[in-house]
Each structure stands twice: as C-alpha cells, then as structure tokens.
PDB file of N, CA and C in Angstrom:
ATOM      1  N   MET A   1     -42.881-194.240  57.603  1.00  0.00           N
ATOM      2  CA  MET A   1     -43.452-194.677  59.060  1.00  0.00           C
ATOM      3  C   MET A   1     -43.477-196.364  59.058  1.00  0.00           C
ATOM      4  N   LYS A   2     -44.227-196.500  57.878  1.00  0.00           N
ATOM      5  CA  LYS A   2     -44.614-197.972  57.790  1.00  0.00           C
ATOM      6  C   LYS A   2     -43.256-198.931  57.735  1.00  0.00           C
ATOM      7  N   GLU A   3     -42.154-198.327  57.043  1.00  0.00           N
ATOM      8  CA  GLU A   3     -40.804-198.746  56.897  1.00  0.00           C
ATOM      9  C   GLU A   3     -39.871-198.794  58.179  1.00  0.00           C
ATOM     10  N   ASP A   4     -40.532-197.988  59.143  1.00  0.00           N
ATOM     11  CA  ASP A   4     -39.769-197.666  60.546  1.00  0.00           C
ATOM     12  C   ASP A   4     -40.350-199.191  61.353  1.00  0.00           C
ATOM     13  N   LEU A   5     -41.833-199.238  61.176  1.00  0.00           N
ATOM     14  CA  LEU A   5     -42.349-200.085  61.761  1.00  0.00           C
ATOM     15  C   LEU A   5     -41.774-201.972  61.381  1.00  0.00           C
ATOM     16  N   GLU A   6     -41.887-201.750  59.953  1.00  0.00           N
ATOM     17  CA  GLU A   6     -41.357-203.009  59.681  1.00  0.00           C
ATOM     18  C   GLU A   6     -39.871-203.257  60.113  1.00  0.00           C
ATOM     19  N   ALA A   7     -38.964-202.389  59.727  1.00  0.00           N
ATOM     20  CA  ALA A   7     -37.660-202.393  60.486  1.00  0.00           C
ATOM     21  C   ALA A   7     -37.643-202.830  61.792  1.00  0.00           C
ATOM     22  N   GLY A   8     -38.304-202.046  62.632  1.00  0.00           N
ATOM     23  CA  GLY A   8     -38.389-202.385  64.289  1.00  0.00           C
ATOM     24  C   GLY A   8     -38.701-203.738  64.119  1.00  0.00           C
ATOM     25  N   MET A   9     -39.690-204.201  63.711  1.00  0.00           N
ATOM     26  CA  MET A   9     -40.367-205.520  63.751  1.00  0.00           C
ATOM     27  C   MET A   9     -39.105-206.749  63.417  1.00  0.00           C
ATOM     28  N   ASN A  10     -38.386-206.197  62.057  1.00  0.00           N
ATOM     29  CA  ASN A  10     -37.276-207.157  61.768  1.00  0.00           C
ATOM     30  C   ASN A  10     -36.378-207.288  62.896  1.00  0.00           C
ATOM     31  N   LYS A  11     -36.002-206.146  63.471  1.00  0.00           N
ATOM     32  CA  LYS A  11     -34.949-206.123  64.590  1.00  0.00           C
ATOM     33  C   LYS A  11     -35.146-206.903  65.612  1.00  0.00           C
ATOM     34  N   ILE A  12     -36.574-207.074  66.127  1.00  0.00           N
ATOM     35  CA  ILE A  12     -37.004-207.645  67.375  1.00  0.00           C
ATOM     36  C   ILE A  12     -37.075-209.139  66.846  1.00  0.00           C
ATOM     37  N   ILE A  13     -37.467-209.536  65.826  1.00  0.00           N
ATOM     38  CA  ILE A  13     -37.223-210.938  65.169  1.00  0.00           C
ATOM     39  C   ILE A  13     -35.690-211.423  65.090  1.00  0.00           C
ATOM     40  N   GLU A  14     -35.088-210.580  64.725  1.00  0.00           N
ATOM     41  CA  GLU A  14     -33.485-211.033  64.387  1.00  0.00           C
ATOM     42  C   GLU A  14     -33.017-211.233  66.039  1.00  0.00           C
ATOM     43  N   ASP A  15     -33.477-210.518  66.994  1.00  0.00           N
ATOM     44  CA  ASP A  15     -32.986-210.409  68.457  1.00  0.00           C
ATOM     45  C   ASP A  15     -33.562-211.675  69.039  1.00  0.00           C
ATOM     46  N   GLU A  16     -34.993-211.845  68.948  1.00  0.00           N
ATOM     47  CA  GLU A  16     -35.553-212.802  69.751  1.00  0.00           C
ATOM     48  C   GLU A  16     -35.967-214.038  68.971  1.00  0.00           C
ATOM     49  N   GLY A  17     -36.073-214.351  67.570  1.00  0.00           N
ATOM     50  CA  GLY A  17     -36.159-215.119  66.672  1.00  0.00           C
ATOM     51  C   GLY A  17     -37.500-215.318  66.403  1.00  0.00           C
ATOM     52  N   LEU A  18     -37.830-216.311  65.326  1.00  0.00           N
ATOM     53  CA  LEU A  18     -39.037-216.460  64.661  1.00  0.00           C
ATOM     54  C   LEU A  18     -40.332-216.867  65.394  1.00  0.00           C
ATOM     55  N   THR A  19     -40.096-217.512  66.652  1.00  0.00           N
ATOM     56  CA  THR A  19     -40.990-218.339  67.477  1.00  0.00           C
ATOM     57  C   THR A  19     -40.968-217.781  68.935  1.00  0.00           C
ATOM     58  N   VAL A  20     -41.976-217.799  69.496  1.00  0.00           N
ATOM     59  CA  VAL A  20     -42.107-217.593  71.053  1.00  0.00           C
ATOM     60  C   VAL A  20     -42.527-219.094  71.424  1.00  0.00           C
ATOM     61  N   THR A  21     -42.200-219.331  72.954  1.00  0.00           N
ATOM     62  CA  THR A  21     -42.593-220.319  73.752  1.00  0.00           C
ATOM     63  C   THR A  21     -43.527-219.876  74.878  1.00  0.00           C
ATOM     64  N   SER A  22     -45.079-220.330  74.848  1.00  0.00           N
ATOM     65  CA  SER A  22     -45.831-219.873  76.008  1.00  0.00           C
ATOM     66  C   SER A  22     -45.476-220.444  77.554  1.00  0.00           C
ATOM     67  N   ASP A  23     -46.035-220.229  78.511  1.00  0.00           N
ATOM     68  CA  ASP A  23     -46.056-220.793  79.675  1.00  0.00           C
ATOM     69  C   ASP A  23     -46.218-222.228  79.838  1.00  0.00           C
ATOM     70  N   ARG A  24     -47.160-222.635  78.911  1.00  0.00           N
ATOM     71  CA  ARG A  24     -47.473-224.233  78.834  1.00  0.00           C
ATOM     72  C   ARG A  24     -46.385-224.786  77.892  1.00  0.00           C
ATOM     73  N   GLY A  25     -45.542-224.183  77.284  1.00  0.00           N
ATOM     74  CA  GLY A  25     -44.301-224.755  76.584  1.00  0.00           C
ATOM     75  C   GLY A  25     -44.886-224.981  74.848  1.00  0.00           C
ATOM     76  N   ASN A  26     -46.044-224.361  74.441  1.00  0.00           N
ATOM     77  CA  ASN A  26     -46.171-224.346  73.140  1.00  0.00           C
ATOM     78  C   ASN A  26     -45.568-223.386  72.207  1.00  0.00           C
ATOM     79  N   VAL A  27     -45.145-223.751  71.188  1.00  0.00           N
ATOM     80  CA  VAL A  27     -44.146-222.959  70.377  1.00  0.00           C
ATOM     81  C   VAL A  27     -45.028-222.316  69.336  1.00  0.00           C
ATOM     82  N   SER A  28     -45.131-221.003  69.310  1.00  0.00           N
ATOM     83  CA  SER A  28     -45.873-220.350  68.204  1.00  0.00           C
ATOM     84  C   SER A  28     -45.065-219.474  67.356  1.00  0.00           C
ATOM     85  N   GLU A  29     -45.698-218.430  66.367  1.00  0.00           N
ATOM     86  CA  GLU A  29     -45.156-217.540  65.605  1.00  0.00           C
ATOM     87  C   GLU A  29     -44.957-216.368  66.557  1.00  0.00           C
ATOM     88  N   HIS A  30     -43.835-215.633  66.457  1.00  0.00           N
ATOM     89  CA  HIS A  30     -43.591-214.468  67.309  1.00  0.00           C
ATOM     90  C   HIS A  30     -44.598-213.528  66.844  1.00  0.00           C
ATOM     91  N   PRO A  31     -45.305-212.697  67.741  1.00  0.00           N
ATOM     92  CA  PRO A  31     -46.098-211.651  67.282  1.00  0.00           C
ATOM     93  C   PRO A  31     -45.608-210.656  66.253  1.00  0.00           C
ATOM     94  N   ALA A  32     -44.211-210.222  66.473  1.00  0.00           N
ATOM     95  CA  ALA A  32     -43.496-209.369  65.409  1.00  0.00           C
ATOM     96  C   ALA A  32     -43.738-209.970  64.064  1.00  0.00           C
ATOM     97  N   VAL A  33     -43.607-211.156  63.915  1.00  0.00           N
ATOM     98  CA  VAL A  33     -43.797-211.665  62.505  1.00  0.00           C
ATOM     99  C   VAL A  33     -44.745-211.301  61.749  1.00  0.00           C
ATOM    100  N   LYS A  34     -46.116-211.375  62.274  1.00  0.00           N
ATOM    101  CA  LYS A  34     -47.191-210.987  61.605  1.00  0.00           C
ATOM    102  C   LYS A  34     -47.168-209.449  61.574  1.00  0.00           C
ATOM    103  N   ILE A  35     -46.862-208.812  62.551  1.00  0.00           N
ATOM    104  CA  ILE A  35     -46.947-207.028  62.511  1.00  0.00           C
ATOM    105  C   ILE A  35     -45.909-206.697  61.070  1.00  0.00           C
ATOM    106  N   ALA A  36     -44.602-207.468  61.142  1.00  0.00           N
ATOM    107  CA  ALA A  36     -44.031-207.034  60.095  1.00  0.00           C
ATOM    108  C   ALA A  36     -44.518-207.384  58.753  1.00  0.00           C
ATOM    109  N   ARG A  37     -45.097-208.569  58.653  1.00  0.00           N
ATOM    110  CA  ARG A  37     -45.670-209.317  57.265  1.00  0.00           C
ATOM    111  C   ARG A  37     -46.934-208.115  57.063  1.00  0.00           C
ATOM    112  N   ASP A  38     -47.501-207.712  57.912  1.00  0.00           N
ATOM    113  CA  ASP A  38     -48.783-206.827  57.396  1.00  0.00           C
ATOM    114  C   ASP A  38     -48.338-205.360  57.053  1.00  0.00           C
ATOM    115  N   ALA A  39     -47.099-204.863  57.806  1.00  0.00           N
ATOM    116  CA  ALA A  39     -46.458-203.650  57.481  1.00  0.00           C
ATOM    117  C   ALA A  39     -45.946-203.962  55.998  1.00  0.00           C
ATOM    118  N   GLN A  40     -45.359-204.546  55.615  1.00  0.00           N
ATOM    119  CA  GLN A  40     -44.885-204.998  54.106  1.00  0.00           C
ATOM    120  C   GLN A  40     -45.896-205.092  53.169  1.00  0.00           C
ATOM    121  N   THR A  41     -46.893-205.631  53.634  1.00  0.00           N
ATOM    122  CA  THR A  41     -48.267-206.005  52.708  1.00  0.00           C
ATOM    123  C   THR A  41     -49.016-204.413  52.439  1.00  0.00           C
ATOM    124  N   LEU A  42     -49.092-203.860  53.361  1.00  0.00           N
ATOM    125  CA  LEU A  42     -49.600-202.481  53.576  1.00  0.00           C
ATOM    126  C   LEU A  42     -48.799-201.370  52.680  1.00  0.00           C
ATOM    127  N   ALA A  43     -47.482-201.640  52.678  1.00  0.00           N
ATOM    128  CA  ALA A  43     -46.586-200.804  51.981  1.00  0.00           C
ATOM    129  C   ALA A  43     -46.524-201.030  50.564  1.00  0.00           C
ATOM    130  N   LEU A  44     -46.836-202.433  50.218  1.00  0.00           N
ATOM    131  CA  LEU A  44     -46.731-202.832  48.900  1.00  0.00           C
ATOM    132  C   LEU A  44     -48.251-202.359  48.162  1.00  0.00           C
ATOM    133  N   LYS A  45     -49.263-202.236  49.102  1.00  0.00           N
ATOM    134  CA  LYS A  45     -50.656-201.638  48.479  1.00  0.00           C
ATOM    135  C   LYS A  45     -50.530-200.346  48.312  1.00  0.00           C
ATOM    136  N   VAL A  46     -49.777-199.510  49.210  1.00  0.00           N
ATOM    137  CA  VAL A  46     -49.692-198.113  48.668  1.00  0.00           C
ATOM    138  C   VAL A  46     -48.761-197.978  47.837  1.00  0.00           C
ATOM    139  N   MET A  47     -48.019-198.549  47.613  1.00  0.00           N
ATOM    140  CA  MET A  47     -46.835-198.476  46.437  1.00  0.00           C
ATOM    141  C   MET A  47     -47.864-198.555  45.080  1.00  0.00           C
ATOM    142  N   ALA A  48     -48.413-199.789  45.004  1.00  0.00           N
ATOM    143  CA  ALA A  48     -49.210-200.085  43.893  1.00  0.00           C
ATOM    144  C   ALA A  48     -50.408-198.949  43.584  1.00  0.00           C
ATOM    145  N   GLU A  49     -50.986-198.531  44.866  1.00  0.00           N
ATOM    146  CA  GLU A  49     -51.893-197.493  44.640  1.00  0.00           C
ATOM    147  C   GLU A  49     -51.340-196.060  43.843  1.00  0.00           C
ATOM    148  N   PHE A  50     -50.271-195.790  44.209  1.00  0.00           N
ATOM    149  CA  PHE A  50     -49.457-194.461  43.550  1.00  0.00           C
ATOM    150  C   PHE A  50     -48.698-194.952  42.362  1.00  0.00           C
ATOM    151  N   GLY A  51     -48.939-195.932  41.880  1.00  0.00           N
ATOM    152  CA  GLY A  51     -47.905-196.515  40.697  1.00  0.00           C
ATOM    153  C   GLY A  51     -46.551-196.632  40.697  1.00  0.00           C
ATOM    154  N   LEU A  52     -45.993-197.045  42.076  1.00  0.00           N
ATOM    155  CA  LEU A  52     -44.834-197.079  42.467  1.00  0.00           C
ATOM    156  C   LEU A  52     -44.087-198.649  42.193  1.00  0.00           C
ATOM    157  N   THR A  53     -44.871-199.458  41.467  1.00  0.00           N
ATOM    158  CA  THR A  53     -44.481-200.834  41.266  1.00  0.00           C
ATOM    159  C   THR A  53     -44.374-200.795  39.801  1.00  0.00           C
ATOM    160  N   ALA A  54     -43.642-201.666  39.298  1.00  0.00           N
ATOM    161  CA  ALA A  54     -43.474-202.126  37.729  1.00  0.00           C
ATOM    162  C   ALA A  54     -44.935-202.417  37.019  1.00  0.00           C
ATOM    163  N   LYS A  55     -45.828-203.063  37.943  1.00  0.00           N
ATOM    164  CA  LYS A  55     -46.956-203.590  37.217  1.00  0.00           C
ATOM    165  C   LYS A  55     -47.813-202.428  37.566  1.00  0.00           C
ATOM    166  N   ALA A  56     -48.094-201.770  38.354  1.00  0.00           N
ATOM    167  CA  ALA A  56     -48.912-200.539  38.530  1.00  0.00           C
ATOM    168  C   ALA A  56     -48.816-199.647  37.615  1.00  0.00           C
ATOM    169  N   ARG A  57     -47.205-199.239  37.343  1.00  0.00           N
ATOM    170  CA  ARG A  57     -46.793-198.267  36.520  1.00  0.00           C
ATOM    171  C   ARG A  57     -47.479-198.685  34.916  1.00  0.00           C
ATOM    172  N   CYS A  58     -47.317-199.917  34.563  1.00  0.00           N
ATOM    173  CA  CYS A  58     -47.913-200.240  33.266  1.00  0.00           C
ATOM    174  C   CYS A  58     -49.364-200.012  33.002  1.00  0.00           C
ATOM    175  N   LYS A  59     -50.159-200.161  34.191  1.00  0.00           N
ATOM    176  CA  LYS A  59     -51.508-199.592  34.128  1.00  0.00           C
ATOM    177  C   LYS A  59     -52.027-198.190  34.285  1.00  0.00           C
ATOM    178  N   LEU A  60     -50.881-197.290  34.461  1.00  0.00           N
ATOM    179  CA  LEU A  60     -51.058-195.936  34.201  1.00  0.00           C
ATOM    180  C   LEU A  60     -51.368-195.380  32.715  1.00  0.00           C
ATOM    181  N   PRO A  61     -52.029-194.364  32.539  1.00  0.00           N
ATOM    182  CA  PRO A  61     -52.725-193.616  31.420  1.00  0.00           C
ATOM    183  C   PRO A  61     -51.532-193.145  30.656  1.00  0.00           C
ATOM    184  N   LYS A  62     -51.373-193.107  29.512  1.00  0.00           N
ATOM    185  CA  LYS A  62     -50.087-192.462  28.742  1.00  0.00           C
ATOM    186  C   LYS A  62     -50.766-191.065  28.479  1.00  0.00           C
ATOM    187  N   LEU A  63     -49.906-190.026  28.736  1.00  0.00           N
ATOM    188  CA  LEU A  63     -50.072-188.713  28.850  1.00  0.00           C
ATOM    189  C   LEU A  63     -49.529-188.416  27.436  1.00  0.00           C
ATOM    190  N   ASN A  64     -50.329-187.482  26.610  1.00  0.00           N
ATOM    191  CA  ASN A  64     -50.027-187.005  25.470  1.00  0.00           C
ATOM    192  C   ASN A  64     -49.661-185.397  25.718  1.00  0.00           C
ATOM    193  N   ALA A  65     -48.308-185.389  25.847  1.00  0.00           N
ATOM    194  CA  ALA A  65     -47.734-184.106  26.290  1.00  0.00           C
ATOM    195  C   ALA A  65     -47.180-183.338  24.928  1.00  0.00           C
ATOM    196  N   SER A  66     -47.711-182.184  24.783  1.00  0.00           N
ATOM    197  CA  SER A  66     -47.212-181.428  23.522  1.00  0.00           C
ATOM    198  C   SER A  66     -46.429-180.084  24.320  1.00  0.00           C
ATOM    199  N   ASP A  67     -45.940-179.440  23.082  1.00  0.00           N
ATOM    200  CA  ASP A  67     -44.962-178.297  23.697  1.00  0.00           C
ATOM    201  C   ASP A  67     -45.861-177.119  24.224  1.00  0.00           C
ATOM    202  N   ALA A  68     -46.847-177.223  24.218  1.00  0.00           N
ATOM    203  CA  ALA A  68     -47.671-176.116  24.663  1.00  0.00           C
ATOM    204  C   ALA A  68     -48.123-176.384  26.181  1.00  0.00           C
ATOM    205  N   ASP A  69     -47.995-177.496  26.291  1.00  0.00           N
ATOM    206  CA  ASP A  69     -48.147-178.067  27.768  1.00  0.00           C
ATOM    207  C   ASP A  69     -46.871-177.972  28.711  1.00  0.00           C
ATOM    208  N   ASP A  70     -45.796-177.586  28.162  1.00  0.00           N
ATOM    209  CA  ASP A  70     -44.800-177.665  28.867  1.00  0.00           C
ATOM    210  C   ASP A  70     -44.508-176.681  29.945  1.00  0.00           C
ATOM    211  N   SER A  71     -44.008-176.988  31.055  1.00  0.00           N
ATOM    212  CA  SER A  71     -43.893-175.982  32.114  1.00  0.00           C
ATOM    213  C   SER A  71     -42.777-174.778  31.851  1.00  0.00           C
ATOM    214  N   PRO A  72     -42.485-173.901  32.102  1.00  0.00           N
ATOM    215  CA  PRO A  72     -41.408-173.029  32.003  1.00  0.00           C
ATOM    216  C   PRO A  72     -40.090-173.476  32.036  1.00  0.00           C
ATOM    217  N   LEU A  73     -39.885-174.430  32.972  1.00  0.00           N
ATOM    218  CA  LEU A  73     -38.655-175.083  33.099  1.00  0.00           C
ATOM    219  C   LEU A  73     -38.139-175.977  31.968  1.00  0.00           C
ATOM    220  N   GLU A  74     -39.390-176.830  31.441  1.00  0.00           N
ATOM    221  CA  GLU A  74     -39.178-177.657  30.352  1.00  0.00           C
ATOM    222  C   GLU A  74     -38.860-176.972  29.089  1.00  0.00           C
ATOM    223  N   THR A  75     -39.529-175.763  28.891  1.00  0.00           N
ATOM    224  CA  THR A  75     -39.246-174.684  27.877  1.00  0.00           C
ATOM    225  C   THR A  75     -37.795-174.203  27.684  1.00  0.00           C
ATOM    226  N   PHE A  76     -37.204-173.912  28.915  1.00  0.00           N
ATOM    227  CA  PHE A  76     -35.983-173.572  28.836  1.00  0.00           C
ATOM    228  C   PHE A  76     -34.884-174.611  28.547  1.00  0.00           C
ATOM    229  N   ILE A  77     -35.188-175.700  29.039  1.00  0.00           N
ATOM    230  CA  ILE A  77     -34.172-176.816  29.073  1.00  0.00           C
ATOM    231  C   ILE A  77     -34.142-177.123  27.465  1.00  0.00           C
ATOM    232  N   LYS A  78     -35.285-177.394  27.080  1.00  0.00           N
ATOM    233  CA  LYS A  78     -35.613-177.788  25.483  1.00  0.00           C
ATOM    234  C   LYS A  78     -34.847-176.599  24.685  1.00  0.00           C
ATOM    235  N   SER A  79     -35.093-175.245  25.099  1.00  0.00           N
ATOM    236  CA  SER A  79     -34.209-174.138  24.274  1.00  0.00           C
ATOM    237  C   SER A  79     -32.824-174.351  24.484  1.00  0.00           C
ATOM    238  N   LYS A  80     -32.443-174.919  25.501  1.00  0.00           N
ATOM    239  CA  LYS A  80     -30.817-174.644  25.657  1.00  0.00           C
ATOM    240  C   LYS A  80     -30.267-176.298  24.906  1.00  0.00           C
ATOM    241  N   LYS A  81     -30.981-177.072  24.876  1.00  0.00           N
ATOM    242  CA  LYS A  81     -30.616-178.413  24.058  1.00  0.00           C
ATOM    243  C   LYS A  81     -30.436-178.057  22.447  1.00  0.00           C
ATOM    244  N   LYS A  82     -31.327-177.240  21.889  1.00  0.00           N
ATOM    245  CA  LYS A  82     -31.134-176.835  20.417  1.00  0.00           C
ATOM    246  C   LYS A  82     -30.123-175.867  20.229  1.00  0.00           C
ATOM    247  N   GLN A  83     -29.698-175.325  21.241  1.00  0.00           N
ATOM    248  CA  GLN A  83     -28.402-174.173  20.808  1.00  0.00           C
ATOM    249  C   GLN A  83     -27.121-174.980  20.649  1.00  0.00           C
TER     250      GLN A  83
END
C-alpha cells in the first residue's frame, strides 16, 4: 500500500515536476514530493522494524536451532539429503 502511494506520487512528480507556482508567482516544492518522501521514510521504518534491512538483520538475535526443534518438513529434507 505504501509502495502504491510512493509510486503514485512519483508519477505525479514525473508528470507535473518538482515545483509548483502559486497564484502570486512564488515557486515552492510540489506537495507530492513531501508525500513521496514521507511514504519512503515510513516504508524504511517498517522494514527496519521487521528485520528486512541489512542493518536490522544484524541486530536480530541468533537462534540456536537443534534437530529436536526441526519441523516435520525440515526433518524430511534432512533425511533425503543423507540418502
């Protein structure tokens, strides 16, 4: 959903440009620029929260998996590899 918002804003920026001119002739940043920037910032925060960035992955705790904790699928795959 956030990707859609960012992509939509990027399309608007591509079509209309990075700036807008007011009725009085003042040039300012297009409102879609801030919306796209905020969407990208939010997406990066979510990715970091779920460990989807390289830096966030380094901070995840290491799991000590043993054979007893293997799922039935993992047990099946390991048994087929040994054959």
